[in-house]
Amino acid sequence: MCGISVGMGLSGLMVMLTVVAVLALVGVWLVRGLRAEGGDVNRLGTGPVDSDPARELLRRRFAAGEIDDAEYERRLSALTWWR
């Protein structure tokens, strides 16, 4: 009877460890997926940074006043027509 009890205990432990490992992997997968969708955070932590350098340059030129609204929208649509 002790052999059956010890065997069931080890089996139960293995099942529990497997469930915990699967839950941990699912948690890591979800966190990575959410971070990938949200994008990177800029240095000040105030919002996402665009990973496309062309769009970032366009955004900076618009913010500096080098281009107007219409030019910004026209160039942005040219950069993102395929997305």
Protein backbone atom coordinates (compact mmCIF):
# COMPACT_ATOMS: atom_id res chain seq x y z
CA MET A 1 0.00 0.00 0.00
CA CYS A 2 2.91 2.35 0.64
CA GLY A 3 4.23 1.78 -2.87
CA ILE A 4 0.92 2.85 -4.43
CA SER A 5 0.74 5.92 -2.20
CA VAL A 6 4.30 7.00 -3.05
CA GLY A 7 3.70 6.34 -6.75
CA MET A 8 0.52 8.41 -6.77
CA GLY A 9 2.33 11.16 -4.88
CA LEU A 10 5.09 11.32 -7.48
CA SER A 11 2.58 11.21 -10.32
CA GLY A 12 0.56 13.97 -8.71
CA LEU A 13 3.69 16.04 -8.21
CA MET A 14 4.68 15.60 -11.86
CA VAL A 15 1.21 16.60 -13.04
CA MET A 16 1.24 19.67 -10.79
CA LEU A 17 4.70 20.73 -11.99
CA THR A 18 3.61 20.27 -15.62
CA VAL A 19 0.53 22.43 -15.08
CA VAL A 20 2.60 25.15 -13.38
CA ALA A 21 5.16 25.08 -16.21
CA VAL A 22 2.44 25.35 -18.87
CA LEU A 23 0.81 28.27 -17.03
CA ALA A 24 4.16 30.04 -16.72
CA LEU A 25 4.85 29.61 -20.45
CA VAL A 26 1.39 30.92 -21.35
CA GLY A 27 1.97 33.93 -19.07
CA VAL A 28 5.32 34.71 -20.71
CA TRP A 29 3.77 34.34 -24.15
CA LEU A 30 0.94 36.74 -23.26
CA VAL A 31 3.26 39.35 -21.75
CA ARG A 32 5.54 39.27 -24.78
CA GLY A 33 2.55 39.53 -27.11
CA LEU A 34 1.13 42.52 -25.26
CA ARG A 35 4.49 44.28 -25.22
CA ALA A 36 4.94 43.66 -28.93
CA GLU A 37 1.56 45.21 -29.74
CA GLY A 38 2.14 48.23 -27.54
CA GLY A 39 5.48 49.09 -29.04
CA ASP A 40 8.49 50.53 -27.33
CA VAL A 41 8.26 53.41 -24.92
CA ASN A 42 10.24 56.53 -25.68
CA ARG A 43 12.95 57.83 -23.37
CA LEU A 44 10.59 60.03 -21.40
CA GLY A 45 8.06 57.24 -21.03
CA THR A 46 5.29 59.38 -22.49
CA GLY A 47 4.23 57.15 -25.35
CA PRO A 48 5.19 54.70 -28.04
CA VAL A 49 8.13 55.34 -30.32
CA ASP A 50 7.70 54.53 -33.96
CA SER A 51 10.16 51.84 -35.01
CA ASP A 52 10.15 53.20 -38.58
CA PRO A 53 12.87 55.87 -38.86
CA ALA A 54 11.17 57.55 -41.83
CA ARG A 55 7.93 58.05 -39.91
CA GLU A 56 9.85 59.27 -36.87
CA LEU A 57 11.73 61.83 -39.00
CA LEU A 58 8.46 62.96 -40.56
CA ARG A 59 6.92 63.35 -37.10
CA ARG A 60 9.90 65.42 -35.91
CA ARG A 61 9.79 67.70 -38.97
CA PHE A 62 6.08 68.28 -38.42
CA ALA A 63 6.65 69.03 -34.74
CA ALA A 64 9.44 71.49 -35.61
CA GLY A 65 7.13 73.30 -38.05
CA GLU A 66 9.18 72.46 -41.13
CA ILE A 67 6.12 70.99 -42.89
CA ASP A 68 2.42 71.82 -42.63
CA ASP A 69 -0.59 69.58 -41.93
CA ALA A 70 -1.31 68.76 -45.56
CA GLU A 71 2.31 67.87 -46.33
CA TYR A 72 2.53 65.73 -43.18
CA GLU A 73 -0.65 63.83 -44.05
CA ARG A 74 0.42 63.36 -47.68
CA ARG A 75 3.83 61.98 -46.76
CA LEU A 76 2.46 59.86 -43.92
CA SER A 77 -0.08 58.26 -46.25
CA ALA A 78 2.71 57.54 -48.73
CA LEU A 79 4.69 55.80 -45.99
CA THR A 80 1.75 53.80 -44.66
CA TRP A 81 -0.26 52.91 -47.74
CA TRP A 82 0.83 49.28 -47.47
CA ARG A 83 0.03 48.84 -43.76
